[in-house]
Amino acid sequence: MAVIQFHLVSPLSPKDVLGVLTDFGPSRAEAWPTIDTEHFEVHSLGDTWAEVTEGTAAAWERARYEWKPDGDTVTITTLDSKVFGPGGGWVFKMTPEGGGTRVDVKLTREPEGFKRKALASLLPLVATSSLKKSFAVPFKAK
């Protein structure tokens, strides 16, 4: 199992960060640099959950998002992934900080098979910086 943890500080309020994470409208691919329109599909959507496929041709995943409207956490369970297969997911925790929000991010990958496990073992070494940069865009973080 591979685990990556980092945080960002966003000028957005916790409610606005929650909105960015849970807006599954057509502009999602424009807001997130790691999502293209060809690999974005909302399969089902409720008031506190969504099941979507998002990403790019090189790396997409199908996931289930869950949150509380007035909560501080969004949990994303990976149902399938082109690169890592099913298992693991993301947790985003929002905490007010100064005039904005500290966003703590935890990514867990639980791949099966030698090739996927080997790739996942490299994630903590090579992916943290690029993930942090990609989340900085929609969160308007520094």
C-alpha atoms as a PDB file:
ATOM      1  CA  MET A   1       0.000   0.000   0.000  1.00  0.00           C
ATOM      2  CA  ALA A   2       1.269   3.477  -0.886  1.00  0.00           C
ATOM      3  CA  VAL A   3       0.259   6.569   1.079  1.00  0.00           C
ATOM      4  CA  ILE A   4       0.933  10.210   0.233  1.00  0.00           C
ATOM      5  CA  GLN A   5       0.004  13.060   2.558  1.00  0.00           C
ATOM      6  CA  PHE A   6       0.393  16.798   2.050  1.00  0.00           C
ATOM      7  CA  HIS A   7      -1.475  20.019   2.646  1.00  0.00           C
ATOM      8  CA  LEU A   8      -2.223  23.265   0.866  1.00  0.00           C
ATOM      9  CA  VAL A   9      -3.476  26.593   2.157  1.00  0.00           C
ATOM     10  CA  SER A  10      -6.269  28.078   0.077  1.00  0.00           C
ATOM     11  CA  PRO A  11      -7.690  31.594   0.287  1.00  0.00           C
ATOM     12  CA  LEU A  12     -11.124  30.005  -0.202  1.00  0.00           C
ATOM     13  CA  SER A  13     -13.442  29.339   2.741  1.00  0.00           C
ATOM     14  CA  PRO A  14     -13.949  25.704   3.809  1.00  0.00           C
ATOM     15  CA  LYS A  15     -17.436  25.845   2.272  1.00  0.00           C
ATOM     16  CA  ASP A  16     -15.980  27.069  -1.027  1.00  0.00           C
ATOM     17  CA  VAL A  17     -13.287  24.341  -1.007  1.00  0.00           C
ATOM     18  CA  LEU A  18     -16.062  21.789  -0.438  1.00  0.00           C
ATOM     19  CA  GLY A  19     -17.876  23.330  -3.395  1.00  0.00           C
ATOM     20  CA  VAL A  20     -14.821  22.994  -5.637  1.00  0.00           C
ATOM     21  CA  LEU A  21     -14.419  19.334  -4.662  1.00  0.00           C
ATOM     22  CA  THR A  22     -18.095  18.466  -5.145  1.00  0.00           C
ATOM     23  CA  ASP A  23     -19.010  20.481  -8.249  1.00  0.00           C
ATOM     24  CA  PHE A  24     -19.568  17.853 -10.924  1.00  0.00           C
ATOM     25  CA  GLY A  25     -20.950  20.241 -13.527  1.00  0.00           C
ATOM     26  CA  PRO A  26     -19.640  20.613 -17.082  1.00  0.00           C
ATOM     27  CA  SER A  27     -16.997  23.157 -16.019  1.00  0.00           C
ATOM     28  CA  ARG A  28     -15.198  20.586 -13.808  1.00  0.00           C
ATOM     29  CA  ALA A  29     -12.743  19.706 -16.581  1.00  0.00           C
ATOM     30  CA  GLU A  30     -11.889  23.397 -16.969  1.00  0.00           C
ATOM     31  CA  ALA A  31     -11.277  23.884 -13.228  1.00  0.00           C
ATOM     32  CA  TRP A  32      -9.108  20.779 -12.716  1.00  0.00           C
ATOM     33  CA  PRO A  33      -5.934  20.472 -14.826  1.00  0.00           C
ATOM     34  CA  THR A  34      -5.891  16.677 -14.357  1.00  0.00           C
ATOM     35  CA  ILE A  35      -9.329  16.151 -15.930  1.00  0.00           C
ATOM     36  CA  ASP A  36     -10.156  16.349 -19.618  1.00  0.00           C
ATOM     37  CA  THR A  37     -13.665  16.395 -21.035  1.00  0.00           C
ATOM     38  CA  GLU A  38     -13.197  13.085 -22.869  1.00  0.00           C
ATOM     39  CA  HIS A  39     -12.492  11.323 -19.558  1.00  0.00           C
ATOM     40  CA  PHE A  40     -15.124  12.954 -17.367  1.00  0.00           C
ATOM     41  CA  GLU A  41     -18.458  11.236 -16.801  1.00  0.00           C
ATOM     42  CA  VAL A  42     -20.943  11.539 -13.945  1.00  0.00           C
ATOM     43  CA  HIS A  43     -22.493   8.096 -13.528  1.00  0.00           C
ATOM     44  CA  SER A  44     -24.812   9.020 -10.649  1.00  0.00           C
ATOM     45  CA  LEU A  45     -25.199  11.959  -8.301  1.00  0.00           C
ATOM     46  CA  GLY A  46     -26.954  12.524  -4.980  1.00  0.00           C
ATOM     47  CA  ASP A  47     -27.027  15.334  -2.436  1.00  0.00           C
ATOM     48  CA  THR A  48     -24.047  13.941  -0.494  1.00  0.00           C
ATOM     49  CA  TRP A  49     -22.377  11.578  -2.938  1.00  0.00           C
ATOM     50  CA  ALA A  50     -21.363  11.138  -6.565  1.00  0.00           C
ATOM     51  CA  GLU A  51     -19.949   8.364  -8.686  1.00  0.00           C
ATOM     52  CA  VAL A  52     -17.764   9.685 -11.483  1.00  0.00           C
ATOM     53  CA  THR A  53     -15.020   8.743 -13.885  1.00  0.00           C
ATOM     54  CA  GLU A  54     -12.431  11.478 -14.330  1.00  0.00           C
ATOM     55  CA  GLY A  55      -8.862  11.949 -15.444  1.00  0.00           C
ATOM     56  CA  THR A  56      -7.031  11.755 -18.758  1.00  0.00           C
ATOM     57  CA  ALA A  57      -6.268   9.084 -21.350  1.00  0.00           C
ATOM     58  CA  ALA A  58      -3.046   8.311 -19.474  1.00  0.00           C
ATOM     59  CA  ALA A  59      -4.555   8.127 -15.977  1.00  0.00           C
ATOM     60  CA  TRP A  60      -8.268   8.007 -15.179  1.00  0.00           C
ATOM     61  CA  GLU A  61     -10.198   6.622 -12.243  1.00  0.00           C
ATOM     62  CA  ARG A  62     -13.781   5.807 -11.409  1.00  0.00           C
ATOM     63  CA  ALA A  63     -14.571   6.866  -7.873  1.00  0.00           C
ATOM     64  CA  ARG A  64     -17.314   7.393  -5.338  1.00  0.00           C
ATOM     65  CA  TYR A  65     -17.267  10.762  -3.547  1.00  0.00           C
ATOM     66  CA  GLU A  66     -19.005  11.156  -0.184  1.00  0.00           C
ATOM     67  CA  TRP A  67     -19.427  14.285   1.967  1.00  0.00           C
ATOM     68  CA  LYS A  68     -21.751  16.104   4.344  1.00  0.00           C
ATOM     69  CA  PRO A  69     -23.063  19.485   3.122  1.00  0.00           C
ATOM     70  CA  ASP A  70     -21.887  21.216   6.300  1.00  0.00           C
ATOM     71  CA  GLY A  71     -18.936  18.878   6.849  1.00  0.00           C
ATOM     72  CA  ASP A  72     -15.210  19.312   6.660  1.00  0.00           C
ATOM     73  CA  THR A  73     -14.230  16.086   4.885  1.00  0.00           C
ATOM     74  CA  VAL A  74     -14.647  14.627   1.406  1.00  0.00           C
ATOM     75  CA  THR A  75     -13.870  10.926   1.088  1.00  0.00           C
ATOM     76  CA  ILE A  76     -13.239   9.433  -2.329  1.00  0.00           C
ATOM     77  CA  THR A  77     -13.148   5.664  -2.799  1.00  0.00           C
ATOM     78  CA  THR A  78     -11.402   4.411  -5.938  1.00  0.00           C
ATOM     79  CA  LEU A  79     -13.652   1.885  -7.657  1.00  0.00           C
ATOM     80  CA  ASP A  80     -11.337   1.407 -10.639  1.00  0.00           C
ATOM     81  CA  SER A  81      -8.247   3.074 -12.043  1.00  0.00           C
ATOM     82  CA  LYS A  82      -6.403   2.664 -15.318  1.00  0.00           C
ATOM     83  CA  VAL A  83      -3.034   2.785 -13.568  1.00  0.00           C
ATOM     84  CA  PHE A  84      -3.639   1.201 -10.144  1.00  0.00           C
ATOM     85  CA  GLY A  85      -6.928  -0.711 -10.393  1.00  0.00           C
ATOM     86  CA  PRO A  86      -9.528  -0.630  -7.601  1.00  0.00           C
ATOM     87  CA  GLY A  87      -8.773   0.115  -3.976  1.00  0.00           C
ATOM     88  CA  GLY A  88      -7.637   3.033  -1.916  1.00  0.00           C
ATOM     89  CA  GLY A  89      -8.733   6.569  -2.547  1.00  0.00           C
ATOM     90  CA  TRP A  90      -8.485  10.136  -1.323  1.00  0.00           C
ATOM     91  CA  VAL A  91      -9.436  12.046   1.803  1.00  0.00           C
ATOM     92  CA  PHE A  92      -9.668  15.846   1.789  1.00  0.00           C
ATOM     93  CA  LYS A  93      -9.999  17.515   5.194  1.00  0.00           C
ATOM     94  CA  MET A  94     -10.708  21.244   5.379  1.00  0.00           C
ATOM     95  CA  THR A  95      -9.760  23.345   8.420  1.00  0.00           C
ATOM     96  CA  PRO A  96     -10.220  27.122   8.685  1.00  0.00           C
ATOM     97  CA  GLU A  97      -6.840  28.866   8.760  1.00  0.00           C
ATOM     98  CA  GLY A  98      -6.370  32.611   8.761  1.00  0.00           C
ATOM     99  CA  GLY A  99      -8.760  34.001   6.189  1.00  0.00           C
ATOM    100  CA  GLY A 100      -8.839  30.761   4.204  1.00  0.00           C
ATOM    101  CA  THR A 101      -8.589  27.009   4.538  1.00  0.00           C
ATOM    102  CA  ARG A 102      -5.921  24.433   5.198  1.00  0.00           C
ATOM    103  CA  VAL A 103      -6.652  21.436   2.978  1.00  0.00           C
ATOM    104  CA  ASP A 104      -5.052  18.202   4.183  1.00  0.00           C
ATOM    105  CA  VAL A 105      -4.882  15.591   1.430  1.00  0.00           C
ATOM    106  CA  LYS A 106      -4.280  11.879   1.871  1.00  0.00           C
ATOM    107  CA  LEU A 107      -3.964   9.542  -1.107  1.00  0.00           C
ATOM    108  CA  THR A 108      -3.912   5.793  -0.570  1.00  0.00           C
ATOM    109  CA  ARG A 109      -3.319   3.230  -3.303  1.00  0.00           C
ATOM    110  CA  GLU A 110      -3.899  -0.490  -2.725  1.00  0.00           C
ATOM    111  CA  PRO A 111      -2.946  -2.073  -6.047  1.00  0.00           C
ATOM    112  CA  GLU A 112      -2.877  -5.753  -6.877  1.00  0.00           C
ATOM    113  CA  GLY A 113      -0.241  -7.303  -9.089  1.00  0.00           C
ATOM    114  CA  PHE A 114       3.497  -6.806  -9.189  1.00  0.00           C
ATOM    115  CA  LYS A 115       3.569  -4.068 -11.836  1.00  0.00           C
ATOM    116  CA  ARG A 116       0.927  -1.928 -10.123  1.00  0.00           C
ATOM    117  CA  LYS A 117       2.503  -2.433  -6.685  1.00  0.00           C
ATOM    118  CA  ALA A 118       5.921  -1.427  -8.018  1.00  0.00           C
ATOM    119  CA  LEU A 119       4.478   1.717  -9.577  1.00  0.00           C
ATOM    120  CA  ALA A 120       2.581   2.578  -6.384  1.00  0.00           C
ATOM    121  CA  SER A 121       5.748   2.222  -4.322  1.00  0.00           C
ATOM    122  CA  LEU A 122       7.241   5.116  -6.320  1.00  0.00           C
ATOM    123  CA  LEU A 123       4.332   7.475  -5.635  1.00  0.00           C
ATOM    124  CA  PRO A 124       5.610   8.900  -2.331  1.00  0.00           C
ATOM    125  CA  LEU A 125       8.938   9.676  -3.989  1.00  0.00           C
ATOM    126  CA  VAL A 126       7.750  11.300  -7.204  1.00  0.00           C
ATOM    127  CA  ALA A 127       4.093  12.324  -7.023  1.00  0.00           C
ATOM    128  CA  THR A 128       3.712  14.632  -4.013  1.00  0.00           C
ATOM    129  CA  SER A 129       5.025  17.772  -5.712  1.00  0.00           C
ATOM    130  CA  SER A 130       3.001  17.327  -8.915  1.00  0.00           C
ATOM    131  CA  LEU A 131      -0.181  16.506  -6.993  1.00  0.00           C
ATOM    132  CA  LYS A 132       0.255  19.573  -4.817  1.00  0.00           C
ATOM    133  CA  LYS A 133       0.695  21.754  -7.913  1.00  0.00           C
ATOM    134  CA  SER A 134      -2.374  20.285  -9.636  1.00  0.00           C
ATOM    135  CA  PHE A 135      -4.594  20.918  -6.594  1.00  0.00           C
ATOM    136  CA  ALA A 136      -3.265  24.443  -6.168  1.00  0.00           C
ATOM    137  CA  VAL A 137      -5.071  25.517  -9.347  1.00  0.00           C
ATOM    138  CA  PRO A 138      -8.702  24.773  -8.390  1.00  0.00           C
ATOM    139  CA  PHE A 139      -8.114  25.708  -4.717  1.00  0.00           C
ATOM    140  CA  LYS A 140      -6.297  28.932  -5.714  1.00  0.00           C
ATOM    141  CA  ALA A 141      -3.625  27.864  -3.243  1.00  0.00           C
ATOM    142  CA  LYS A 142      -0.066  29.079  -2.915  1.00  0.00           C
END
